C-alpha atoms as a PDB file:
ATOM      1  CA  MET A   1     122.089 119.774 127.210  1.00  0.00           C
ATOM      2  CA  LYS A   2     121.284 119.404 123.554  1.00  0.00           C
ATOM      3  CA  LYS A   3     123.474 117.193 121.457  1.00  0.00           C
ATOM      4  CA  LEU A   4     125.833 118.824 119.048  1.00  0.00           C
ATOM      5  CA  LEU A   5     125.209 118.643 115.348  1.00  0.00           C
ATOM      6  CA  THR A   6     127.978 117.431 113.120  1.00  0.00           C
ATOM      7  CA  ALA A   7     127.291 119.227 109.884  1.00  0.00           C
ATOM      8  CA  LEU A   8     128.774 119.594 106.461  1.00  0.00           C
ATOM      9  CA  PHE A   9     127.059 122.145 104.228  1.00  0.00           C
ATOM     10  CA  THR A  10     128.030 122.434 100.593  1.00  0.00           C
ATOM     11  CA  ALA A  11     126.451 124.551  97.815  1.00  0.00           C
ATOM     12  CA  ALA A  12     125.300 122.625  95.431  1.00  0.00           C
ATOM     13  CA  ALA A  13      89.733 117.299  91.460  1.00  0.00           C
ATOM     14  CA  ILE A  14      90.513 119.280  94.874  1.00  0.00           C
ATOM     15  CA  THR A  15      87.601 119.972  97.232  1.00  0.00           C
ATOM     16  CA  THR A  16      87.079 122.516 100.007  1.00  0.00           C
ATOM     17  CA  ALA A  17      88.865 121.394 103.150  1.00  0.00           C
ATOM     18  CA  SER A  18      87.141 120.717 106.441  1.00  0.00           C
ATOM     19  CA  TRP A  19      88.780 121.546 109.742  1.00  0.00           C
ATOM     20  CA  ALA A  20      88.639 119.865 113.133  1.00  0.00           C
ATOM     21  CA  PRO A  21      90.971 120.011 116.161  1.00  0.00           C
ATOM     22  CA  THR A  22      92.951 116.889 116.939  1.00  0.00           C
ATOM     23  CA  ALA A  23      93.921 115.510 120.312  1.00  0.00           C
ATOM     24  CA  MET A  24      97.597 116.325 119.761  1.00  0.00           C
ATOM     25  CA  ALA A  25      97.558 119.953 120.819  1.00  0.00           C
ATOM     26  CA  ALA A  26      95.198 122.906 120.847  1.00  0.00           C
ATOM     27  CA  ASP A  27      97.104 124.663 118.090  1.00  0.00           C
ATOM     28  CA  VAL A  28      97.167 121.678 115.723  1.00  0.00           C
ATOM     29  CA  LYS A  29      94.305 121.420 113.255  1.00  0.00           C
ATOM     30  CA  GLU A  30      93.332 118.439 111.143  1.00  0.00           C
ATOM     31  CA  VAL A  31      92.630 119.224 107.497  1.00  0.00           C
ATOM     32  CA  THR A  32      90.733 116.878 105.178  1.00  0.00           C
ATOM     33  CA  GLN A  33      90.092 116.797 101.474  1.00  0.00           C
ATOM     34  CA  GLN A  34      88.338 114.405  99.106  1.00  0.00           C
ATOM     35  CA  GLN A  35      90.199 112.699  96.290  1.00  0.00           C
ATOM     36  CA  HIS A  36      88.830 109.933  94.068  1.00  0.00           C
ATOM     37  CA  GLY A  37      86.405 108.692  96.701  1.00  0.00           C
ATOM     38  CA  LEU A  38      88.895 108.796  99.577  1.00  0.00           C
ATOM     39  CA  THR A  39      89.167 111.267 102.430  1.00  0.00           C
ATOM     40  CA  LEU A  40      92.763 112.372 102.903  1.00  0.00           C
ATOM     41  CA  ASN A  41      93.827 114.010 106.161  1.00  0.00           C
ATOM     42  CA  ALA A  42      96.767 116.032 107.406  1.00  0.00           C
ATOM     43  CA  ASN A  43      97.797 117.961 110.524  1.00  0.00           C
ATOM     44  CA  LEU A  44      98.399 121.682 110.122  1.00  0.00           C
ATOM     45  CA  LEU A  45     100.470 123.603 112.651  1.00  0.00           C
ATOM     46  CA  MET A  46     100.987 127.309 112.018  1.00  0.00           C
ATOM     47  CA  ALA A  47     103.914 129.002 113.745  1.00  0.00           C
ATOM     48  CA  ASP A  48     103.056 132.093 115.785  1.00  0.00           C
ATOM     49  CA  GLY A  49     102.472 135.110 113.592  1.00  0.00           C
ATOM     50  CA  LYS A  50     102.733 133.104 110.378  1.00  0.00           C
ATOM     51  CA  GLY A  51     100.157 132.552 107.648  1.00  0.00           C
ATOM     52  CA  PHE A  52      99.781 130.534 104.482  1.00  0.00           C
ATOM     53  CA  SER A  53     101.643 133.202 102.529  1.00  0.00           C
ATOM     54  CA  ASP A  54     104.748 132.383 104.567  1.00  0.00           C
ATOM     55  CA  GLU A  55     106.968 129.422 103.778  1.00  0.00           C
ATOM     56  CA  MET A  56     105.421 126.067 104.646  1.00  0.00           C
ATOM     57  CA  VAL A  57     106.886 122.596 105.227  1.00  0.00           C
ATOM     58  CA  LEU A  58     105.011 119.636 103.734  1.00  0.00           C
ATOM     59  CA  LEU A  59     106.039 116.561 105.757  1.00  0.00           C
ATOM     60  CA  THR A  60     105.605 112.943 104.602  1.00  0.00           C
ATOM     61  CA  HIS A  61     105.921 110.068 107.097  1.00  0.00           C
ATOM     62  CA  GLY A  62     107.687 106.730 106.766  1.00  0.00           C
ATOM     63  CA  THR A  63     106.545 103.185 105.970  1.00  0.00           C
ATOM     64  CA  LEU A  64     103.033 102.209 107.105  1.00  0.00           C
ATOM     65  CA  THR A  65     103.043 104.806 109.875  1.00  0.00           C
ATOM     66  CA  HIS A  66     101.080 108.038 110.296  1.00  0.00           C
ATOM     67  CA  LYS A  67     101.238 111.781 110.875  1.00  0.00           C
ATOM     68  CA  GLU A  68     100.728 111.654 114.650  1.00  0.00           C
ATOM     69  CA  ARG A  69     103.563 109.278 115.422  1.00  0.00           C
ATOM     70  CA  SER A  70     105.856 110.841 118.017  1.00  0.00           C
ATOM     71  CA  THR A  71     108.613 111.627 115.509  1.00  0.00           C
ATOM     72  CA  TYR A  72     106.320 113.744 113.339  1.00  0.00           C
ATOM     73  CA  ALA A  73     104.190 115.277 116.107  1.00  0.00           C
ATOM     74  CA  ALA A  74     107.338 116.415 117.910  1.00  0.00           C
ATOM     75  CA  LEU A  75     108.923 117.649 114.706  1.00  0.00           C
ATOM     76  CA  GLN A  76     105.917 119.827 113.892  1.00  0.00           C
ATOM     77  CA  LYS A  77     106.047 121.390 117.357  1.00  0.00           C
ATOM     78  CA  ASN A  78     109.813 121.862 117.226  1.00  0.00           C
ATOM     79  CA  LEU A  79     109.582 123.454 113.784  1.00  0.00           C
ATOM     80  CA  ALA A  80     106.868 125.796 115.050  1.00  0.00           C
ATOM     81  CA  ALA A  81     109.166 126.797 117.905  1.00  0.00           C
ATOM     82  CA  GLN A  82     111.684 127.759 115.216  1.00  0.00           C
ATOM     83  CA  GLY A  83     109.047 129.874 113.454  1.00  0.00           C
ATOM     84  CA  VAL A  84     108.298 127.328 110.718  1.00  0.00           C
ATOM     85  CA  SER A  85     104.739 126.228 109.878  1.00  0.00           C
ATOM     86  CA  SER A  86     104.096 122.702 108.654  1.00  0.00           C
ATOM     87  CA  LEU A  87     101.521 120.391 107.122  1.00  0.00           C
ATOM     88  CA  SER A  88     102.103 116.766 108.116  1.00  0.00           C
ATOM     89  CA  ILE A  89     100.174 114.493 105.782  1.00  0.00           C
ATOM     90  CA  ASN A  90      98.757 111.013 106.212  1.00  0.00           C
ATOM     91  CA  LEU A  91      99.271 108.903 103.128  1.00  0.00           C
ATOM     92  CA  SER A  92      95.976 107.088 102.602  1.00  0.00           C
ATOM     93  CA  LEU A  93      97.602 103.751 101.723  1.00  0.00           C
ATOM     94  CA  GLY A  94      94.348 103.037  99.924  1.00  0.00           C
ATOM     95  CA  LEU A  95      92.144 103.537 103.012  1.00  0.00           C
ATOM     96  CA  ASP A  96      89.481 106.172 103.609  1.00  0.00           C
ATOM     97  CA  ASN A  97      90.351 108.772 106.258  1.00  0.00           C
ATOM     98  CA  ARG A  98      93.189 106.626 107.596  1.00  0.00           C
ATOM     99  CA  HIS A  99      94.488 107.256 111.123  1.00  0.00           C
ATOM    100  CA  GLY A 100      97.085 105.399 113.169  1.00  0.00           C
ATOM    101  CA  GLU A 101      99.505 102.681 112.142  1.00  0.00           C
ATOM    102  CA  TYR A 102      98.535 100.507 109.178  1.00  0.00           C
ATOM    103  CA  ASP A 103      97.110  97.217 110.469  1.00  0.00           C
ATOM    104  CA  CYS A 104      99.010  94.366 108.810  1.00  0.00           C
ATOM    105  CA  ALA A 105      95.802  92.290 108.854  1.00  0.00           C
ATOM    106  CA  VAL A 106      94.200  94.737 106.402  1.00  0.00           C
ATOM    107  CA  PRO A 107      94.743  93.672 102.764  1.00  0.00           C
ATOM    108  CA  HIS A 108      97.340  95.813 101.020  1.00  0.00           C
ATOM    109  CA  THR A 109      96.311  97.471  97.762  1.00  0.00           C
ATOM    110  CA  HIS A 110      98.528 100.569  98.023  1.00  0.00           C
ATOM    111  CA  LYS A 111     101.658 101.264  95.998  1.00  0.00           C
ATOM    112  CA  HIS A 112     104.903 103.030  96.843  1.00  0.00           C
ATOM    113  CA  THR A 113     104.267 105.398  93.951  1.00  0.00           C
ATOM    114  CA  ASP A 114     100.784 106.402  95.215  1.00  0.00           C
ATOM    115  CA  ALA A 115     102.550 108.807  97.557  1.00  0.00           C
ATOM    116  CA  LEU A 116     103.735 110.987  94.679  1.00  0.00           C
ATOM    117  CA  GLN A 117     100.146 111.631  93.632  1.00  0.00           C
ATOM    118  CA  GLU A 118      99.034 112.384  97.188  1.00  0.00           C
ATOM    119  CA  ILE A 119     101.919 114.791  97.809  1.00  0.00           C
ATOM    120  CA  GLY A 120     100.722 116.534  94.660  1.00  0.00           C
ATOM    121  CA  TYR A 121      97.167 116.786  96.017  1.00  0.00           C
ATOM    122  CA  TRP A 122      98.443 118.502  99.160  1.00  0.00           C
ATOM    123  CA  MET A 123     100.654 120.824  97.148  1.00  0.00           C
ATOM    124  CA  ASP A 124      97.526 121.861  95.240  1.00  0.00           C
ATOM    125  CA  TRP A 125      95.644 122.340  98.507  1.00  0.00           C
ATOM    126  CA  LEU A 126      98.377 124.596  99.886  1.00  0.00           C
ATOM    127  CA  LYS A 127      98.364 126.596  96.677  1.00  0.00           C
ATOM    128  CA  GLN A 128      94.621 127.124  97.104  1.00  0.00           C
ATOM    129  CA  GLN A 129      95.272 128.501 100.596  1.00  0.00           C
ATOM    130  CA  GLY A 130      97.687 131.072  99.192  1.00  0.00           C
ATOM    131  CA  THR A 131     100.997 129.313  99.825  1.00  0.00           C
ATOM    132  CA  GLU A 132     103.668 130.215  97.292  1.00  0.00           C
ATOM    133  CA  LYS A 133     106.755 128.511  98.743  1.00  0.00           C
ATOM    134  CA  VAL A 134     106.884 124.962 100.094  1.00  0.00           C
ATOM    135  CA  VAL A 135     109.775 123.052 101.611  1.00  0.00           C
ATOM    136  CA  LEU A 136     109.223 119.373 100.858  1.00  0.00           C
ATOM    137  CA  MET A 137     110.277 117.198 103.795  1.00  0.00           C
ATOM    138  CA  GLY A 138     110.082 113.433 104.173  1.00  0.00           C
ATOM    139  CA  HIS A 139     111.352 110.745 106.527  1.00  0.00           C
ATOM    140  CA  SER A 140     112.620 107.256 105.685  1.00  0.00           C
ATOM    141  CA  ARG A 141     110.462 105.794 102.863  1.00  0.00           C
ATOM    142  CA  GLY A 142     108.663 109.145 102.886  1.00  0.00           C
ATOM    143  CA  GLY A 143     112.037 110.745 102.254  1.00  0.00           C
ATOM    144  CA  ASN A 144     112.486 108.653  99.148  1.00  0.00           C
ATOM    145  CA  GLN A 145     108.951 109.421  97.978  1.00  0.00           C
ATOM    146  CA  THR A 146     109.567 113.132  98.606  1.00  0.00           C
ATOM    147  CA  ALA A 147     112.810 113.069  96.618  1.00  0.00           C
ATOM    148  CA  TRP A 148     111.050 111.181  93.812  1.00  0.00           C
ATOM    149  CA  TYR A 149     108.244 113.751  93.722  1.00  0.00           C
ATOM    150  CA  ALA A 150     110.740 116.629  93.678  1.00  0.00           C
ATOM    151  CA  ALA A 151     112.655 115.009  90.830  1.00  0.00           C
ATOM    152  CA  GLU A 152     109.605 114.444  88.624  1.00  0.00           C
ATOM    153  CA  HIS A 153     107.286 117.313  89.595  1.00  0.00           C
ATOM    154  CA  ASP A 154     109.512 120.333  89.960  1.00  0.00           C
ATOM    155  CA  SER A 155     107.741 123.684  90.124  1.00  0.00           C
ATOM    156  CA  ASP A 156     108.341 127.247  91.245  1.00  0.00           C
ATOM    157  CA  MET A 157     106.329 126.405  94.360  1.00  0.00           C
ATOM    158  CA  ILE A 158     109.014 124.002  95.625  1.00  0.00           C
ATOM    159  CA  ASP A 159     111.634 126.093  97.376  1.00  0.00           C
ATOM    160  CA  LYS A 160     113.838 123.479  99.058  1.00  0.00           C
ATOM    161  CA  VAL A 161     113.879 119.777  99.921  1.00  0.00           C
ATOM    162  CA  ILE A 162     114.799 118.201 103.272  1.00  0.00           C
ATOM    163  CA  LEU A 163     115.199 114.422 103.421  1.00  0.00           C
ATOM    164  CA  ILE A 164     115.409 112.783 106.853  1.00  0.00           C
ATOM    165  CA  ALA A 165     117.168 109.397 106.797  1.00  0.00           C
ATOM    166  CA  PRO A 166     115.749 108.681 103.335  1.00  0.00           C
ATOM    167  CA  ALA A 167     115.543 105.118 102.083  1.00  0.00           C
ATOM    168  CA  THR A 168     118.147 103.726  99.719  1.00  0.00           C
ATOM    169  CA  GLY A 169     117.786 100.895  97.239  1.00  0.00           C
ATOM    170  CA  ALA A 170     119.042  98.440  99.848  1.00  0.00           C
ATOM    171  CA  GLN A 171     115.732  98.534 101.702  1.00  0.00           C
ATOM    172  CA  GLN A 172     113.907  97.306  98.560  1.00  0.00           C
ATOM    173  CA  SER A 173     116.479  94.676  97.611  1.00  0.00           C
ATOM    174  CA  ALA A 174     116.159  90.912  97.284  1.00  0.00           C
ATOM    175  CA  ASP A 175     118.816  90.463  99.978  1.00  0.00           C
ATOM    176  CA  GLU A 176     116.864  92.610 102.428  1.00  0.00           C
ATOM    177  CA  TYR A 177     113.655  90.733 101.625  1.00  0.00           C
ATOM    178  CA  ALA A 178     115.258  87.336 102.165  1.00  0.00           C
ATOM    179  CA  GLN A 179     116.752  88.480 105.456  1.00  0.00           C
ATOM    180  CA  LYS A 180     113.430  89.755 106.810  1.00  0.00           C
ATOM    181  CA  ALA A 181     111.042  87.255 105.241  1.00  0.00           C
ATOM    182  CA  GLY A 182     113.181  84.153 105.486  1.00  0.00           C
ATOM    183  CA  THR A 183     112.333  83.292 101.894  1.00  0.00           C
ATOM    184  CA  SER A 184     113.412  84.278  98.411  1.00  0.00           C
ATOM    185  CA  LEU A 185     111.839  87.331  96.809  1.00  0.00           C
ATOM    186  CA  GLN A 186     112.151  86.317  93.158  1.00  0.00           C
ATOM    187  CA  PRO A 187     109.527  83.526  92.893  1.00  0.00           C
ATOM    188  CA  ILE A 188     106.914  85.757  94.546  1.00  0.00           C
ATOM    189  CA  LEU A 189     107.871  88.743  92.413  1.00  0.00           C
ATOM    190  CA  ASP A 190     107.767  86.626  89.254  1.00  0.00           C
ATOM    191  CA  LYS A 191     104.235  85.510  90.137  1.00  0.00           C
ATOM    192  CA  ALA A 192     103.119  89.069  90.888  1.00  0.00           C
ATOM    193  CA  GLN A 193     104.605  90.460  87.678  1.00  0.00           C
ATOM    194  CA  LYS A 194     102.996  87.657  85.646  1.00  0.00           C
ATOM    195  CA  LEU A 195      99.575  88.411  87.109  1.00  0.00           C
ATOM    196  CA  VAL A 196      99.998  92.115  86.379  1.00  0.00           C
ATOM    197  CA  ALA A 197     101.011  91.359  82.785  1.00  0.00           C
ATOM    198  CA  GLU A 198      97.860  89.219  82.425  1.00  0.00           C
ATOM    199  CA  GLY A 199      95.662  92.062  83.665  1.00  0.00           C
ATOM    200  CA  LYS A 200      95.119  90.382  87.035  1.00  0.00           C
ATOM    201  CA  GLY A 201      96.921  92.921  89.189  1.00  0.00           C
ATOM    202  CA  ASP A 202      94.031  93.022  91.682  1.00  0.00           C
ATOM    203  CA  GLN A 203      94.444  89.328  92.526  1.00  0.00           C
ATOM    204  CA  MET A 204      95.511  88.784  96.134  1.00  0.00           C
ATOM    205  CA  LEU A 205      98.689  86.994  97.129  1.00  0.00           C
ATOM    206  CA  ASP A 206      97.908  85.286 100.452  1.00  0.00           C
ATOM    207  CA  LYS A 207     100.228  84.726 103.413  1.00  0.00           C
ATOM    208  CA  THR A 208     102.973  86.802 101.813  1.00  0.00           C
ATOM    209  CA  TYR A 209     105.653  88.801 103.583  1.00  0.00           C
ATOM    210  CA  PHE A 210     105.143  92.413 102.522  1.00  0.00           C
ATOM    211  CA  ILE A 211     107.211  95.310 103.832  1.00  0.00           C
ATOM    212  CA  TYR A 212     107.012  94.752 107.623  1.00  0.00           C
ATOM    213  CA  CYS A 213     103.951  92.505 107.556  1.00  0.00           C
ATOM    214  CA  LYS A 214     104.133  88.722 107.846  1.00  0.00           C
ATOM    215  CA  ASP A 215     101.462  86.549 106.240  1.00  0.00           C
ATOM    216  CA  ALA A 216      99.906  89.586 104.585  1.00  0.00           C
ATOM    217  CA  GLN A 217      97.275  89.735 101.875  1.00  0.00           C
ATOM    218  CA  VAL A 218      98.601  91.955  99.109  1.00  0.00           C
ATOM    219  CA  THR A 219      97.546  92.516  95.521  1.00  0.00           C
ATOM    220  CA  ALA A 220      99.912  91.416  92.798  1.00  0.00           C
ATOM    221  CA  ALA A 221     100.046  95.018  91.529  1.00  0.00           C
ATOM    222  CA  ALA A 222     101.018  96.382  94.930  1.00  0.00           C
ATOM    223  CA  PHE A 223     103.687  93.729  95.464  1.00  0.00           C
ATOM    224  CA  ALA A 224     105.157  94.294  92.020  1.00  0.00           C
ATOM    225  CA  ASP A 225     105.192  98.057  92.538  1.00  0.00           C
ATOM    226  CA  TYR A 226     107.093  97.839  95.825  1.00  0.00           C
ATOM    227  CA  TYR A 227     109.604  95.192  94.815  1.00  0.00           C
ATOM    228  CA  THR A 228     110.311  95.494  91.097  1.00  0.00           C
ATOM    229  CA  VAL A 229     113.766  97.083  90.937  1.00  0.00           C
ATOM    230  CA  LYS A 230     113.620 100.766  90.021  1.00  0.00           C
ATOM    231  CA  PRO A 231     116.537 103.217  90.153  1.00  0.00           C
ATOM    232  CA  GLN A 232     114.222 105.750  91.823  1.00  0.00           C
ATOM    233  CA  PHE A 233     113.996 103.577  94.945  1.00  0.00           C
ATOM    234  CA  ASP A 234     117.555 104.665  95.715  1.00  0.00           C
ATOM    235  CA  THR A 235     117.412 108.228  97.033  1.00  0.00           C
ATOM    236  CA  PRO A 236     121.089 109.011  96.297  1.00  0.00           C
ATOM    237  CA  THR A 237     120.375 108.149  92.650  1.00  0.00           C
ATOM    238  CA  LEU A 238     117.492 110.640  92.631  1.00  0.00           C
ATOM    239  CA  LEU A 239     119.856 113.301  93.983  1.00  0.00           C
ATOM    240  CA  GLN A 240     122.388 113.128  91.171  1.00  0.00           C
ATOM    241  CA  ASN A 241     120.941 116.315  89.685  1.00  0.00           C
ATOM    242  CA  PRO A 242     118.517 117.890  92.159  1.00  0.00           C
ATOM    243  CA  HIS A 243     116.328 120.742  90.936  1.00  0.00           C
ATOM    244  CA  LYS A 244     116.298 122.569  94.288  1.00  0.00           C
ATOM    245  CA  PRO A 245     118.654 123.007  97.257  1.00  0.00           C
ATOM    246  CA  THR A 246     118.488 119.747  99.164  1.00  0.00           C
ATOM    247  CA  LEU A 247     119.488 118.834 102.717  1.00  0.00           C
ATOM    248  CA  VAL A 248     119.937 115.219 103.831  1.00  0.00           C
ATOM    249  CA  VAL A 249     119.718 114.716 107.602  1.00  0.00           C
ATOM    250  CA  MET A 250     121.196 111.536 109.070  1.00  0.00           C
ATOM    251  CA  GLY A 251     121.434 110.026 112.533  1.00  0.00           C
ATOM    252  CA  SER A 252     124.821 108.830 113.680  1.00  0.00           C
ATOM    253  CA  ASP A 253     123.210 105.738 115.268  1.00  0.00           C
ATOM    254  CA  ASP A 254     120.776 104.924 112.466  1.00  0.00           C
ATOM    255  CA  ASP A 255     120.789 101.180 111.780  1.00  0.00           C
ATOM    256  CA  VAL A 256     117.870 101.261 109.319  1.00  0.00           C
ATOM    257  CA  VAL A 257     119.732 103.053 106.515  1.00  0.00           C
ATOM    258  CA  PRO A 258     123.349 102.373 107.532  1.00  0.00           C
ATOM    259  CA  ASP A 259     124.536 102.685 103.933  1.00  0.00           C
ATOM    260  CA  LEU A 260     123.195 106.237 103.551  1.00  0.00           C
ATOM    261  CA  PRO A 261     126.210 108.276 104.799  1.00  0.00           C
ATOM    262  CA  GLN A 262     128.630 106.578 102.420  1.00  0.00           C
ATOM    263  CA  ALA A 263     126.185 106.862  99.525  1.00  0.00           C
ATOM    264  CA  ILE A 264     125.522 110.560 100.146  1.00  0.00           C
ATOM    265  CA  GLN A 265     129.115 111.656 100.719  1.00  0.00           C
ATOM    266  CA  PRO A 266     130.113 111.871  97.009  1.00  0.00           C
ATOM    267  CA  LEU A 267     127.078 114.066  96.361  1.00  0.00           C
ATOM    268  CA  VAL A 268     128.059 116.362  99.221  1.00  0.00           C
ATOM    269  CA  GLU A 269     131.642 116.581  97.982  1.00  0.00           C
ATOM    270  CA  ALA A 270     130.373 117.373  94.481  1.00  0.00           C
ATOM    271  CA  GLY A 271     128.256 120.220  95.856  1.00  0.00           C
ATOM    272  CA  LYS A 272     124.977 118.644  94.783  1.00  0.00           C
ATOM    273  CA  VAL A 273     123.408 118.367  98.241  1.00  0.00           C
ATOM    274  CA  SER A 274     124.073 119.435 101.820  1.00  0.00           C
ATOM    275  CA  SER A 275     124.157 117.044 104.745  1.00  0.00           C
ATOM    276  CA  VAL A 276     123.808 117.138 108.521  1.00  0.00           C
ATOM    277  CA  THR A 277     124.520 114.297 110.931  1.00  0.00           C
ATOM    278  CA  VAL A 278     122.755 114.445 114.282  1.00  0.00           C
ATOM    279  CA  GLU A 279     124.991 112.809 116.851  1.00  0.00           C
ATOM    280  CA  ASP A 280     123.512 109.909 118.864  1.00  0.00           C
ATOM    281  CA  ALA A 281     120.300 110.008 116.831  1.00  0.00           C
ATOM    282  CA  GLY A 282     118.628 106.787 115.730  1.00  0.00           C
ATOM    283  CA  HIS A 283     116.377 106.410 112.736  1.00  0.00           C
ATOM    284  CA  PHE A 284     113.395 108.076 114.425  1.00  0.00           C
ATOM    285  CA  PHE A 285     115.116 111.171 115.878  1.00  0.00           C
ATOM    286  CA  MET A 286     113.587 111.090 119.336  1.00  0.00           C
ATOM    287  CA  ASP A 287     113.789 113.642 122.154  1.00  0.00           C
ATOM    288  CA  PHE A 288     116.762 116.036 121.879  1.00  0.00           C
ATOM    289  CA  ALA A 289     117.646 114.594 118.484  1.00  0.00           C
ATOM    290  CA  ASN A 290     114.276 115.785 117.219  1.00  0.00           C
ATOM    291  CA  GLU A 291     115.012 119.298 118.463  1.00  0.00           C
ATOM    292  CA  ASP A 292     118.382 119.212 116.708  1.00  0.00           C
ATOM    293  CA  LEU A 293     116.683 117.995 113.542  1.00  0.00           C
ATOM    294  CA  ALA A 294     114.240 120.913 113.662  1.00  0.00           C
ATOM    295  CA  THR A 295     117.064 123.382 114.261  1.00  0.00           C
ATOM    296  CA  ALA A 296     119.043 122.072 111.305  1.00  0.00           C
ATOM    297  CA  ALA A 297     115.936 122.224 109.113  1.00  0.00           C
ATOM    298  CA  ALA A 298     115.076 125.783 110.180  1.00  0.00           C
ATOM    299  CA  GLU A 299     118.620 126.987 109.548  1.00  0.00           C
ATOM    300  CA  PHE A 300     118.598 125.422 106.078  1.00  0.00           C
ATOM    301  CA  ILE A 301     115.207 126.943 105.292  1.00  0.00           C
ATOM    302  CA  ALA A 302     116.430 130.384 106.380  1.00  0.00           C
ATOM    303  CA  GLU A 303     119.517 130.304 104.151  1.00  0.00           C
END
């Protein structure tokens, strides 16, 4: 039996795409486009009887992961079962035609803020296909990047925003870094910022803890971008005055963003956003929790 949802709703340079089937399912198609020398790819799943002129979800994944991870593959299928089409994008993370999890041994040149540009590329691609209304959806770090894009790039094309366990500022904090890396953030950040200021942002920092990667190679510019304190890293801050109706979906057993429910509650009470808590769901919304997530999203989209 499906778990019950505990919910509180309050008002508040593009090129021609190429298509190829993926191994996920017969009805999922991979779309590619070229941008600034990189091939970007995404998985497109059209709901039965729907076309590009119908509402479309643009889904952005979490940290260093990819569009075919079980959370996102299942969510696309569960949304399609609810009559909702979706485009699940792979952030390039600076790599050409990237697939699968990011290998920590690969030098990191990507920035948190690169995602905003790539979401924009896919919005343009959808517009070229005839899409007029897009629901922006993102999970975890992708939820923060989605909220950031919606805050700074509002348009008539964006209909609604759905953020799934979006990151808060705590995940980018010095305390979090010290806990995970076992070393202080500030000396490394000072070095990275100094190199950037000297025009040496491409210089590599060796054997450096970076996001989830130990002993990584990462450019000074990338490190500074991810760890210099910015108010936009905190999704609740971005939602103080949302442009479009916004739903925040949380898992009752999420230990990755445990501060999110308390941070979101004042915004819900003020009528700025809506929220849904999926009971017994962890951060990745597996199995029945993924079905409940898709149901909550479809109901919000249909409102």
